[in-house]
Amino acid sequence: MSTEIERKFLVFKEKLPELKGGQHFVQGYLQREPQIRFRLSGDRAVLAIKTLKPDGSRFEFEAEKSFASAEERRTLCELAIVPLIEKTRYSLPHGSLIWEVDVYAGENTGLVTVDVEMPSLDYPLRFPEWVNAEAEITQDPRYFNYNLAQRPFERWQEK
């Protein structure tokens, strides 16, 4: 069984290093719980099944198709149960971990987050200067991608 232990934070945008070589994703959801998500990048498609475990980690299963046809990609998008999410992901090493910066597009433009996957729940984090350690959003449902699809970041200021 694959277990994912991940924490998510906001960043200090002005302190971010230059972001290079990012990977653009289109992400959609086929089911809420357990979460069944697809992620498209170029011709590649990754299907993931995730569910939260009591200790805060997540069970994760991924299957990849390195060449998904245009019809397969289009059909996945049509099957999505909420609007699609677009973002570009940049991987930045710091210490022994890789910090993945997500720069959102579309109706989530302006949102920049960072995820870090840890080897254990009690792993001590050393934060890069551009991570806002006081702004952890791991458990904040507003920042769950599924919820960002339904209520995008650009609409948060609307009354």
C-alpha atoms as a PDB file:
ATOM      1  CA  MET A   1       0.000   0.000   0.000  1.00  0.00           C
ATOM      2  CA  SER A   2       1.278   3.457  -0.886  1.00  0.00           C
ATOM      3  CA  THR A   3       0.994   6.119   1.791  1.00  0.00           C
ATOM      4  CA  GLU A   4       1.376   9.824   1.127  1.00  0.00           C
ATOM      5  CA  ILE A   5       2.425  12.148   3.950  1.00  0.00           C
ATOM      6  CA  GLU A   6       2.216  15.682   2.667  1.00  0.00           C
ATOM      7  CA  ARG A   7       1.904  19.188   4.081  1.00  0.00           C
ATOM      8  CA  LYS A   8       0.834  22.281   2.184  1.00  0.00           C
ATOM      9  CA  PHE A   9       1.680  25.946   2.765  1.00  0.00           C
ATOM     10  CA  LEU A  10       1.303  29.387   1.258  1.00  0.00           C
ATOM     11  CA  VAL A  11       4.458  31.091   0.030  1.00  0.00           C
ATOM     12  CA  PHE A  12       6.018  34.525   0.198  1.00  0.00           C
ATOM     13  CA  LYS A  13       5.725  35.227  -3.532  1.00  0.00           C
ATOM     14  CA  GLU A  14       8.293  38.027  -3.413  1.00  0.00           C
ATOM     15  CA  LYS A  15      10.904  35.635  -1.941  1.00  0.00           C
ATOM     16  CA  LEU A  16      10.392  32.800  -4.418  1.00  0.00           C
ATOM     17  CA  PRO A  17      13.456  31.978  -6.502  1.00  0.00           C
ATOM     18  CA  GLU A  18      13.092  32.154 -10.276  1.00  0.00           C
ATOM     19  CA  LEU A  19      10.777  29.323 -11.290  1.00  0.00           C
ATOM     20  CA  LYS A  20      12.072  27.358 -14.288  1.00  0.00           C
ATOM     21  CA  GLY A  21      11.146  24.155 -16.064  1.00  0.00           C
ATOM     22  CA  GLY A  22       7.660  23.779 -14.677  1.00  0.00           C
ATOM     23  CA  GLN A  23       5.185  21.162 -15.765  1.00  0.00           C
ATOM     24  CA  HIS A  24       1.704  22.331 -16.771  1.00  0.00           C
ATOM     25  CA  PHE A  25      -1.209  20.189 -15.580  1.00  0.00           C
ATOM     26  CA  VAL A  26      -4.908  20.028 -16.237  1.00  0.00           C
ATOM     27  CA  GLN A  27      -6.541  18.215 -13.355  1.00  0.00           C
ATOM     28  CA  GLY A  28     -10.058  16.860 -13.007  1.00  0.00           C
ATOM     29  CA  TYR A  29     -12.065  14.691 -10.658  1.00  0.00           C
ATOM     30  CA  LEU A  30     -14.195  11.662 -11.481  1.00  0.00           C
ATOM     31  CA  GLN A  31     -15.346  10.898  -7.916  1.00  0.00           C
ATOM     32  CA  ARG A  32     -15.188  12.727  -4.596  1.00  0.00           C
ATOM     33  CA  GLU A  33     -14.728   9.912  -2.039  1.00  0.00           C
ATOM     34  CA  PRO A  34     -12.652   8.002  -2.406  1.00  0.00           C
ATOM     35  CA  GLN A  35     -11.157  10.709  -4.543  1.00  0.00           C
ATOM     36  CA  ILE A  36     -10.498   9.636  -8.111  1.00  0.00           C
ATOM     37  CA  ARG A  37      -8.491  12.263  -9.930  1.00  0.00           C
ATOM     38  CA  PHE A  38      -6.862  12.512 -13.322  1.00  0.00           C
ATOM     39  CA  ARG A  39      -3.990  14.758 -14.265  1.00  0.00           C
ATOM     40  CA  LEU A  40      -3.079  15.535 -17.868  1.00  0.00           C
ATOM     41  CA  SER A  41       0.254  16.929 -19.006  1.00  0.00           C
ATOM     42  CA  GLY A  42       0.933  16.895 -22.717  1.00  0.00           C
ATOM     43  CA  ASP A  43       0.079  13.388 -23.927  1.00  0.00           C
ATOM     44  CA  ARG A  44       0.543  11.872 -20.465  1.00  0.00           C
ATOM     45  CA  ALA A  45      -2.398  10.959 -18.223  1.00  0.00           C
ATOM     46  CA  VAL A  46      -2.160   9.904 -14.575  1.00  0.00           C
ATOM     47  CA  LEU A  47      -5.136   8.458 -12.713  1.00  0.00           C
ATOM     48  CA  ALA A  48      -4.949   8.608  -8.905  1.00  0.00           C
ATOM     49  CA  ILE A  49      -7.160   7.195  -6.171  1.00  0.00           C
ATOM     50  CA  LYS A  50      -6.732   8.824  -2.770  1.00  0.00           C
ATOM     51  CA  THR A  51      -8.422   8.592   0.599  1.00  0.00           C
ATOM     52  CA  LEU A  52      -7.603  10.131   3.961  1.00  0.00           C
ATOM     53  CA  LYS A  53      -6.416   7.863   6.770  1.00  0.00           C
ATOM     54  CA  PRO A  54      -7.107   8.563  10.487  1.00  0.00           C
ATOM     55  CA  ASP A  55      -3.490   9.643  11.156  1.00  0.00           C
ATOM     56  CA  GLY A  56      -3.671  12.421   8.531  1.00  0.00           C
ATOM     57  CA  SER A  57      -1.734  10.542   5.863  1.00  0.00           C
ATOM     58  CA  ARG A  58      -3.428   9.391   2.671  1.00  0.00           C
ATOM     59  CA  PHE A  59      -3.655   6.120   0.833  1.00  0.00           C
ATOM     60  CA  GLU A  60      -2.621   6.794  -2.744  1.00  0.00           C
ATOM     61  CA  PHE A  61      -2.669   4.617  -5.839  1.00  0.00           C
ATOM     62  CA  GLU A  62      -1.524   5.981  -9.189  1.00  0.00           C
ATOM     63  CA  ALA A  63      -1.618   4.562 -12.691  1.00  0.00           C
ATOM     64  CA  GLU A  64       0.027   6.316 -15.626  1.00  0.00           C
ATOM     65  CA  LYS A  65      -0.509   6.182 -19.358  1.00  0.00           C
ATOM     66  CA  SER A  66       2.443   7.804 -21.079  1.00  0.00           C
ATOM     67  CA  PHE A  67       0.521   8.374 -24.311  1.00  0.00           C
ATOM     68  CA  ALA A  68      -3.172   9.121 -23.945  1.00  0.00           C
ATOM     69  CA  SER A  69      -4.887   9.923 -27.230  1.00  0.00           C
ATOM     70  CA  ALA A  70      -6.610  13.248 -27.794  1.00  0.00           C
ATOM     71  CA  GLU A  71      -9.949  11.411 -27.589  1.00  0.00           C
ATOM     72  CA  GLU A  72      -9.017   9.817 -24.246  1.00  0.00           C
ATOM     73  CA  ARG A  73      -7.906  13.173 -22.812  1.00  0.00           C
ATOM     74  CA  ARG A  74     -11.041  14.910 -24.095  1.00  0.00           C
ATOM     75  CA  THR A  75     -13.285  12.175 -22.667  1.00  0.00           C
ATOM     76  CA  LEU A  76     -11.641  12.395 -19.246  1.00  0.00           C
ATOM     77  CA  CYS A  77     -12.267  16.140 -19.234  1.00  0.00           C
ATOM     78  CA  GLU A  78     -15.904  15.602 -20.237  1.00  0.00           C
ATOM     79  CA  LEU A  79     -16.358  13.058 -17.408  1.00  0.00           C
ATOM     80  CA  ALA A  80     -15.071  15.446 -14.738  1.00  0.00           C
ATOM     81  CA  ILE A  81     -17.685  16.097 -12.046  1.00  0.00           C
ATOM     82  CA  VAL A  82     -16.369  19.603 -11.216  1.00  0.00           C
ATOM     83  CA  PRO A  83     -14.621  22.217 -13.384  1.00  0.00           C
ATOM     84  CA  LEU A  84     -11.013  21.515 -14.289  1.00  0.00           C
ATOM     85  CA  ILE A  85      -8.026  22.954 -12.413  1.00  0.00           C
ATOM     86  CA  GLU A  86      -4.989  24.294 -14.273  1.00  0.00           C
ATOM     87  CA  LYS A  87      -1.608  24.815 -12.683  1.00  0.00           C
ATOM     88  CA  THR A  88       2.100  24.695 -13.353  1.00  0.00           C
ATOM     89  CA  ARG A  89       4.253  22.751 -10.899  1.00  0.00           C
ATOM     90  CA  TYR A  90       7.872  23.565 -10.145  1.00  0.00           C
ATOM     91  CA  SER A  91      10.085  21.245  -8.082  1.00  0.00           C
ATOM     92  CA  LEU A  92      12.568  22.981  -5.789  1.00  0.00           C
ATOM     93  CA  PRO A  93      14.971  20.933  -3.662  1.00  0.00           C
ATOM     94  CA  HIS A  94      15.699  22.141  -0.132  1.00  0.00           C
ATOM     95  CA  GLY A  95      17.625  19.979   2.286  1.00  0.00           C
ATOM     96  CA  SER A  96      16.694  16.357   1.657  1.00  0.00           C
ATOM     97  CA  LEU A  97      13.157  17.150   0.434  1.00  0.00           C
ATOM     98  CA  ILE A  98      11.573  18.364  -2.786  1.00  0.00           C
ATOM     99  CA  TRP A  99       9.186  21.297  -2.362  1.00  0.00           C
ATOM    100  CA  GLU A 100       6.585  21.432  -5.156  1.00  0.00           C
ATOM    101  CA  VAL A 101       5.373  24.940  -5.944  1.00  0.00           C
ATOM    102  CA  ASP A 102       2.007  25.110  -7.705  1.00  0.00           C
ATOM    103  CA  VAL A 103       1.206  28.285  -9.634  1.00  0.00           C
ATOM    104  CA  TYR A 104      -2.491  28.161 -10.461  1.00  0.00           C
ATOM    105  CA  ALA A 105      -4.070  29.490 -13.668  1.00  0.00           C
ATOM    106  CA  GLY A 106      -7.566  30.236 -14.933  1.00  0.00           C
ATOM    107  CA  GLU A 107      -9.997  31.233 -12.191  1.00  0.00           C
ATOM    108  CA  ASN A 108      -7.381  30.358  -9.564  1.00  0.00           C
ATOM    109  CA  THR A 109      -4.820  32.843 -10.935  1.00  0.00           C
ATOM    110  CA  GLY A 110      -2.967  34.546  -8.111  1.00  0.00           C
ATOM    111  CA  LEU A 111      -2.846  31.465  -5.906  1.00  0.00           C
ATOM    112  CA  VAL A 112       0.602  29.983  -5.290  1.00  0.00           C
ATOM    113  CA  THR A 113       1.025  27.080  -2.873  1.00  0.00           C
ATOM    114  CA  VAL A 114       3.773  24.631  -1.980  1.00  0.00           C
ATOM    115  CA  ASP A 115       3.507  20.949  -1.027  1.00  0.00           C
ATOM    116  CA  VAL A 116       6.203  18.902   0.605  1.00  0.00           C
ATOM    117  CA  GLU A 117       6.037  15.123   0.870  1.00  0.00           C
ATOM    118  CA  MET A 118       7.677  13.766   4.009  1.00  0.00           C
ATOM    119  CA  PRO A 119       9.029  10.287   4.780  1.00  0.00           C
ATOM    120  CA  SER A 120       7.204  10.123   8.147  1.00  0.00           C
ATOM    121  CA  LEU A 121       4.538  11.992  10.106  1.00  0.00           C
ATOM    122  CA  ASP A 122       7.065  13.230  12.662  1.00  0.00           C
ATOM    123  CA  TYR A 123       9.703  14.295  10.135  1.00  0.00           C
ATOM    124  CA  PRO A 124      11.191  17.679  11.226  1.00  0.00           C
ATOM    125  CA  LEU A 125      10.778  20.261   8.471  1.00  0.00           C
ATOM    126  CA  ARG A 126      13.400  22.887   7.657  1.00  0.00           C
ATOM    127  CA  PHE A 127      11.602  25.596   5.735  1.00  0.00           C
ATOM    128  CA  PRO A 128      13.016  27.496   2.777  1.00  0.00           C
ATOM    129  CA  GLU A 129      12.842  31.263   3.338  1.00  0.00           C
ATOM    130  CA  TRP A 130      10.088  31.588   0.723  1.00  0.00           C
ATOM    131  CA  VAL A 131       7.675  29.221   2.532  1.00  0.00           C
ATOM    132  CA  ASN A 132       5.299  30.868   4.994  1.00  0.00           C
ATOM    133  CA  ALA A 133       5.591  28.301   7.808  1.00  0.00           C
ATOM    134  CA  GLU A 134       2.856  30.163   9.725  1.00  0.00           C
ATOM    135  CA  ALA A 135       0.401  29.713   6.839  1.00  0.00           C
ATOM    136  CA  GLU A 136      -0.072  25.952   6.754  1.00  0.00           C
ATOM    137  CA  ILE A 137      -3.114  25.068   4.655  1.00  0.00           C
ATOM    138  CA  THR A 138      -2.868  21.281   4.736  1.00  0.00           C
ATOM    139  CA  GLN A 139      -6.226  20.907   6.494  1.00  0.00           C
ATOM    140  CA  ASP A 140      -7.928  24.057   5.135  1.00  0.00           C
ATOM    141  CA  PRO A 141     -10.681  22.792   2.809  1.00  0.00           C
ATOM    142  CA  ARG A 142     -10.708  26.032   0.786  1.00  0.00           C
ATOM    143  CA  TYR A 143      -7.334  25.005  -0.663  1.00  0.00           C
ATOM    144  CA  PHE A 144      -8.231  21.425  -1.567  1.00  0.00           C
ATOM    145  CA  ASN A 145      -8.014  21.235  -5.358  1.00  0.00           C
ATOM    146  CA  TYR A 146     -11.445  19.638  -5.519  1.00  0.00           C
ATOM    147  CA  ASN A 147     -12.884  22.657  -3.696  1.00  0.00           C
ATOM    148  CA  LEU A 148     -10.850  25.148  -5.750  1.00  0.00           C
ATOM    149  CA  ALA A 149     -12.554  23.679  -8.807  1.00  0.00           C
ATOM    150  CA  GLN A 150     -15.959  24.487  -7.322  1.00  0.00           C
ATOM    151  CA  ARG A 151     -15.108  27.828  -5.683  1.00  0.00           C
ATOM    152  CA  PRO A 152     -12.031  29.261  -7.417  1.00  0.00           C
ATOM    153  CA  PHE A 153      -9.600  31.585  -5.679  1.00  0.00           C
ATOM    154  CA  GLU A 154     -10.653  34.600  -7.803  1.00  0.00           C
ATOM    155  CA  ARG A 155     -14.178  34.366  -6.317  1.00  0.00           C
ATOM    156  CA  TRP A 156     -13.094  34.386  -2.658  1.00  0.00           C
ATOM    157  CA  GLN A 157     -13.393  38.165  -2.453  1.00  0.00           C
ATOM    158  CA  GLU A 158     -16.916  38.196  -3.878  1.00  0.00           C
ATOM    159  CA  LYS A 159     -19.735  38.847  -1.452  1.00  0.00           C
END
